[in-house]
C-alpha cells in the first residue's frame, strides 16, 4: 500500500494529557511532549485521514509545500507507531 494511502489512528489506552496547550503522552515510564506541528499530526491521526490528508493539513497550517513536509510527516507517524502511540488501520476502497 502506498505510504500516502495509509490511515493512522491514535492507539487506544494511551495516556494523553493536555498541559498548557501541548499534549503529553505517557509511554511506559516516560513521557512524550507534543507541541505545534507534532500535536497537529497526532490530532489528525483520527482513523479517517490518510497520510496524504495529514500532509495537506500540515502544509496548509504552516503555509508550506506539501512535497517538503511529506517525508517528515510520514517519518513522525512511523515513529509514533513504533512507540505504540499510533497504529495503522486497514483502509477500505477509495472513493
N, C-alpha and C. Protein backbone atom coordinates (compact mmCIF):
# COMPACT_ATOMS: atom_id res chain seq x y z
N UNK A 1 0.85 -1.17 0.00
CA UNK A 1 0.00 0.00 0.00
C UNK A 1 0.90 1.24 0.00
N UNK A 2 0.56 2.20 -0.82
CA UNK A 2 1.33 3.44 -0.88
C UNK A 2 1.34 4.13 0.48
N UNK A 3 2.46 4.74 0.81
CA UNK A 3 2.58 5.45 2.08
C UNK A 3 1.50 6.49 2.22
N UNK A 4 1.18 7.22 1.16
CA UNK A 4 0.20 8.29 1.25
C UNK A 4 -1.21 7.77 1.44
N UNK A 5 -1.45 6.49 1.17
CA UNK A 5 -2.78 5.92 1.34
C UNK A 5 -2.99 5.29 2.71
N UNK A 6 -1.93 5.14 3.50
CA UNK A 6 -2.07 4.56 4.83
C UNK A 6 -2.90 5.49 5.71
N UNK A 7 -3.66 4.89 6.62
CA UNK A 7 -4.52 5.66 7.52
C UNK A 7 -4.10 5.41 8.96
N UNK A 8 -3.56 6.43 9.62
CA UNK A 8 -3.16 6.27 11.02
C UNK A 8 -4.31 6.65 11.97
N UNK A 9 -4.31 6.00 13.13
CA UNK A 9 -5.24 6.42 14.19
C UNK A 9 -4.52 6.33 15.52
N UNK A 10 -4.97 7.18 16.43
CA UNK A 10 -4.40 7.17 17.78
C UNK A 10 -4.76 5.84 18.44
N UNK A 11 -3.78 5.23 19.07
CA UNK A 11 -3.99 3.93 19.71
C UNK A 11 -4.82 4.11 20.98
N UNK A 12 -5.68 3.15 21.23
CA UNK A 12 -6.50 3.16 22.44
C UNK A 12 -5.64 2.82 23.65
N UNK A 13 -6.00 3.37 24.79
CA UNK A 13 -5.32 3.03 26.03
C UNK A 13 -4.06 3.82 26.29
N UNK A 14 -3.73 4.76 25.42
CA UNK A 14 -2.54 5.58 25.62
C UNK A 14 -2.93 6.78 26.49
N UNK A 15 -2.12 7.03 27.51
CA UNK A 15 -2.40 8.15 28.41
C UNK A 15 -2.01 9.46 27.73
N UNK A 16 -2.99 10.36 27.61
CA UNK A 16 -2.74 11.66 26.98
C UNK A 16 -3.28 12.74 27.90
N UNK A 17 -2.46 13.74 28.15
CA UNK A 17 -2.85 14.87 28.99
C UNK A 17 -2.55 16.16 28.22
N UNK A 18 -3.41 17.15 28.41
CA UNK A 18 -3.16 18.47 27.83
C UNK A 18 -2.54 19.34 28.92
N UNK A 19 -1.37 19.86 28.65
CA UNK A 19 -0.65 20.69 29.62
C UNK A 19 -0.26 21.99 28.91
N UNK A 20 -0.83 23.08 29.36
CA UNK A 20 -0.54 24.41 28.80
C UNK A 20 -0.68 24.43 27.28
N UNK A 21 -1.71 23.76 26.77
CA UNK A 21 -1.97 23.76 25.34
C UNK A 21 -1.22 22.71 24.55
N UNK A 22 -0.23 22.07 25.15
CA UNK A 22 0.50 20.99 24.49
C UNK A 22 -0.05 19.65 24.93
N UNK A 23 0.34 18.59 24.25
CA UNK A 23 -0.07 17.24 24.63
C UNK A 23 1.11 16.51 25.23
N UNK A 24 0.86 15.82 26.32
CA UNK A 24 1.88 14.98 26.94
C UNK A 24 1.34 13.56 26.90
N UNK A 25 2.10 12.68 26.27
CA UNK A 25 1.67 11.29 26.10
C UNK A 25 2.55 10.40 26.97
N UNK A 26 1.90 9.59 27.79
CA UNK A 26 2.63 8.66 28.63
C UNK A 26 2.98 7.40 27.87
N UNK A 27 4.27 7.09 27.85
CA UNK A 27 4.76 5.88 27.17
C UNK A 27 5.59 5.13 28.19
N UNK A 28 5.05 4.03 28.66
CA UNK A 28 5.69 3.26 29.72
C UNK A 28 6.02 4.21 30.88
N UNK A 29 7.28 4.33 31.25
CA UNK A 29 7.66 5.20 32.37
C UNK A 29 8.09 6.58 31.88
N UNK A 30 8.04 6.82 30.59
CA UNK A 30 8.46 8.08 30.00
C UNK A 30 7.27 8.90 29.53
N UNK A 31 7.55 10.12 29.14
CA UNK A 31 6.52 10.99 28.58
C UNK A 31 7.04 11.61 27.30
N UNK A 32 6.14 11.80 26.36
CA UNK A 32 6.46 12.42 25.08
C UNK A 32 5.63 13.68 24.99
N UNK A 33 6.28 14.84 24.88
CA UNK A 33 5.56 16.10 24.77
C UNK A 33 5.42 16.47 23.30
N UNK A 34 4.19 16.71 22.89
CA UNK A 34 3.92 17.09 21.51
C UNK A 34 3.50 18.56 21.46
N UNK A 35 4.23 19.34 20.71
CA UNK A 35 3.90 20.75 20.54
C UNK A 35 3.72 21.04 19.06
N UNK A 36 3.06 22.12 18.77
CA UNK A 36 2.92 22.65 17.42
C UNK A 36 2.62 21.59 16.36
N UNK A 37 3.55 21.39 15.42
CA UNK A 37 3.29 20.51 14.29
C UNK A 37 3.12 19.06 14.73
N UNK A 38 3.88 18.62 15.73
CA UNK A 38 3.74 17.24 16.22
C UNK A 38 2.35 17.01 16.80
N UNK A 39 1.84 17.99 17.53
CA UNK A 39 0.49 17.90 18.09
C UNK A 39 -0.54 17.86 16.97
N UNK A 40 -0.37 18.68 15.95
CA UNK A 40 -1.29 18.70 14.82
C UNK A 40 -1.32 17.35 14.10
N UNK A 41 -0.15 16.77 13.89
CA UNK A 41 -0.09 15.46 13.22
C UNK A 41 -0.80 14.41 14.08
N UNK A 42 -0.49 14.38 15.37
CA UNK A 42 -1.10 13.39 16.26
C UNK A 42 -2.62 13.55 16.30
N UNK A 43 -3.09 14.78 16.43
CA UNK A 43 -4.54 15.01 16.50
C UNK A 43 -5.22 14.69 15.17
N UNK A 44 -4.51 14.79 14.07
CA UNK A 44 -5.07 14.49 12.75
C UNK A 44 -5.11 12.99 12.46
N UNK A 45 -4.40 12.21 13.26
CA UNK A 45 -4.39 10.75 13.10
C UNK A 45 -5.65 10.20 13.75
N UNK A 46 -6.78 10.35 13.06
CA UNK A 46 -8.08 10.03 13.64
C UNK A 46 -8.72 8.76 13.09
N UNK A 47 -7.96 8.04 12.27
CA UNK A 47 -8.52 6.83 11.67
C UNK A 47 -9.31 7.10 10.40
N UNK A 48 -9.44 8.37 10.04
CA UNK A 48 -10.14 8.76 8.81
C UNK A 48 -9.19 9.43 7.82
N UNK A 49 -8.31 10.28 8.33
CA UNK A 49 -7.35 10.99 7.48
C UNK A 49 -6.24 10.04 7.02
N UNK A 50 -6.00 10.04 5.71
CA UNK A 50 -4.85 9.32 5.17
C UNK A 50 -3.59 10.14 5.43
N UNK A 51 -2.42 9.54 5.27
CA UNK A 51 -1.18 10.28 5.43
C UNK A 51 -1.18 11.48 4.50
N UNK A 52 -1.64 11.30 3.27
CA UNK A 52 -1.69 12.40 2.31
C UNK A 52 -2.57 13.54 2.82
N UNK A 53 -3.67 13.21 3.48
CA UNK A 53 -4.54 14.23 4.05
C UNK A 53 -3.82 15.00 5.15
N UNK A 54 -3.10 14.28 6.00
CA UNK A 54 -2.38 14.91 7.11
C UNK A 54 -1.26 15.80 6.56
N UNK A 55 -0.61 15.37 5.50
CA UNK A 55 0.40 16.20 4.85
C UNK A 55 -0.25 17.51 4.40
N UNK A 56 -1.42 17.43 3.81
CA UNK A 56 -2.14 18.63 3.37
C UNK A 56 -2.53 19.53 4.53
N UNK A 57 -2.96 18.94 5.64
CA UNK A 57 -3.34 19.70 6.83
C UNK A 57 -2.13 20.46 7.37
N UNK A 58 -1.02 19.77 7.47
CA UNK A 58 0.21 20.40 7.99
C UNK A 58 0.68 21.49 7.03
N UNK A 59 0.69 21.20 5.75
CA UNK A 59 1.15 22.18 4.77
C UNK A 59 0.29 23.43 4.81
N UNK A 60 -1.02 23.26 4.92
CA UNK A 60 -1.93 24.42 4.97
C UNK A 60 -1.73 25.22 6.25
N UNK A 61 -1.56 24.53 7.37
CA UNK A 61 -1.42 25.21 8.66
C UNK A 61 -0.13 26.01 8.75
N UNK A 62 0.92 25.55 8.07
CA UNK A 62 2.22 26.19 8.17
C UNK A 62 2.66 26.84 6.86
N UNK A 63 1.72 26.99 5.92
CA UNK A 63 1.99 27.62 4.64
C UNK A 63 3.25 27.04 4.00
N UNK A 64 3.27 25.72 3.91
CA UNK A 64 4.43 25.00 3.38
C UNK A 64 4.03 24.20 2.15
N UNK A 65 5.00 23.82 1.37
CA UNK A 65 4.79 22.98 0.21
C UNK A 65 4.59 21.54 0.69
N UNK A 66 3.47 20.90 0.30
CA UNK A 66 3.25 19.52 0.74
C UNK A 66 4.42 18.59 0.44
N UNK A 67 5.10 18.79 -0.68
CA UNK A 67 6.24 17.94 -1.03
C UNK A 67 7.37 18.08 0.00
N UNK A 68 7.46 19.26 0.61
CA UNK A 68 8.52 19.49 1.59
C UNK A 68 8.22 18.86 2.94
N UNK A 69 6.95 18.70 3.29
CA UNK A 69 6.61 18.16 4.62
C UNK A 69 6.24 16.68 4.59
N UNK A 70 6.03 16.14 3.41
CA UNK A 70 5.56 14.75 3.29
C UNK A 70 6.45 13.73 3.99
N UNK A 71 7.74 13.79 3.74
CA UNK A 71 8.65 12.81 4.34
C UNK A 71 8.69 12.96 5.85
N UNK A 72 8.68 14.21 6.35
CA UNK A 72 8.72 14.43 7.79
C UNK A 72 7.45 13.91 8.48
N UNK A 73 6.30 14.14 7.85
CA UNK A 73 5.03 13.65 8.43
C UNK A 73 5.04 12.13 8.48
N UNK A 74 5.43 11.49 7.39
CA UNK A 74 5.47 10.03 7.34
C UNK A 74 6.45 9.46 8.37
N UNK A 75 7.61 10.08 8.47
CA UNK A 75 8.62 9.62 9.43
C UNK A 75 8.12 9.77 10.87
N UNK A 76 7.48 10.89 11.17
CA UNK A 76 6.97 11.11 12.52
C UNK A 76 5.86 10.10 12.85
N UNK A 77 4.97 9.85 11.91
CA UNK A 77 3.91 8.86 12.14
C UNK A 77 4.50 7.47 12.35
N UNK A 78 5.51 7.11 11.57
CA UNK A 78 6.17 5.82 11.75
C UNK A 78 6.81 5.73 13.14
N UNK A 79 7.39 6.84 13.61
CA UNK A 79 7.97 6.87 14.95
C UNK A 79 6.89 6.66 16.00
N UNK A 80 5.75 7.33 15.84
CA UNK A 80 4.65 7.16 16.80
C UNK A 80 4.11 5.73 16.78
N UNK A 81 4.07 5.12 15.60
CA UNK A 81 3.64 3.72 15.50
C UNK A 81 4.64 2.84 16.26
N UNK A 82 5.92 3.09 16.08
CA UNK A 82 6.95 2.33 16.77
C UNK A 82 6.87 2.44 18.28
N UNK A 83 6.37 3.56 18.77
CA UNK A 83 6.21 3.78 20.21
C UNK A 83 4.88 3.26 20.74
N UNK A 84 4.00 2.80 19.82
CA UNK A 84 2.70 2.28 20.24
C UNK A 84 1.66 3.35 20.51
N UNK A 85 1.93 4.56 20.05
CA UNK A 85 1.03 5.69 20.29
C UNK A 85 -0.01 5.81 19.17
N UNK A 86 0.38 5.41 17.97
CA UNK A 86 -0.48 5.45 16.79
C UNK A 86 -0.40 4.07 16.15
N UNK A 87 -1.46 3.68 15.47
CA UNK A 87 -1.45 2.40 14.75
C UNK A 87 -2.02 2.62 13.36
N UNK A 88 -1.62 1.75 12.44
CA UNK A 88 -2.14 1.82 11.08
C UNK A 88 -3.43 1.02 11.03
N UNK A 89 -4.43 1.57 10.36
CA UNK A 89 -5.69 0.86 10.16
C UNK A 89 -5.78 0.42 8.71
N UNK A 90 -6.52 -0.63 8.47
CA UNK A 90 -6.68 -1.11 7.12
C UNK A 90 -7.66 -0.17 6.42
N UNK A 91 -7.28 0.26 5.25
CA UNK A 91 -8.12 1.20 4.52
C UNK A 91 -9.06 0.46 3.59
N UNK A 92 -10.30 0.88 3.57
CA UNK A 92 -11.29 0.31 2.66
C UNK A 92 -11.10 0.87 1.27
N UNK A 93 -11.99 0.52 0.35
CA UNK A 93 -11.88 1.01 -1.02
C UNK A 93 -11.98 2.53 -1.07
N UNK A 94 -11.19 3.13 -1.93
CA UNK A 94 -11.21 4.58 -2.07
C UNK A 94 -12.37 5.00 -2.95
N UNK A 95 -12.92 6.17 -2.61
CA UNK A 95 -13.93 6.83 -3.42
C UNK A 95 -15.19 6.10 -3.44
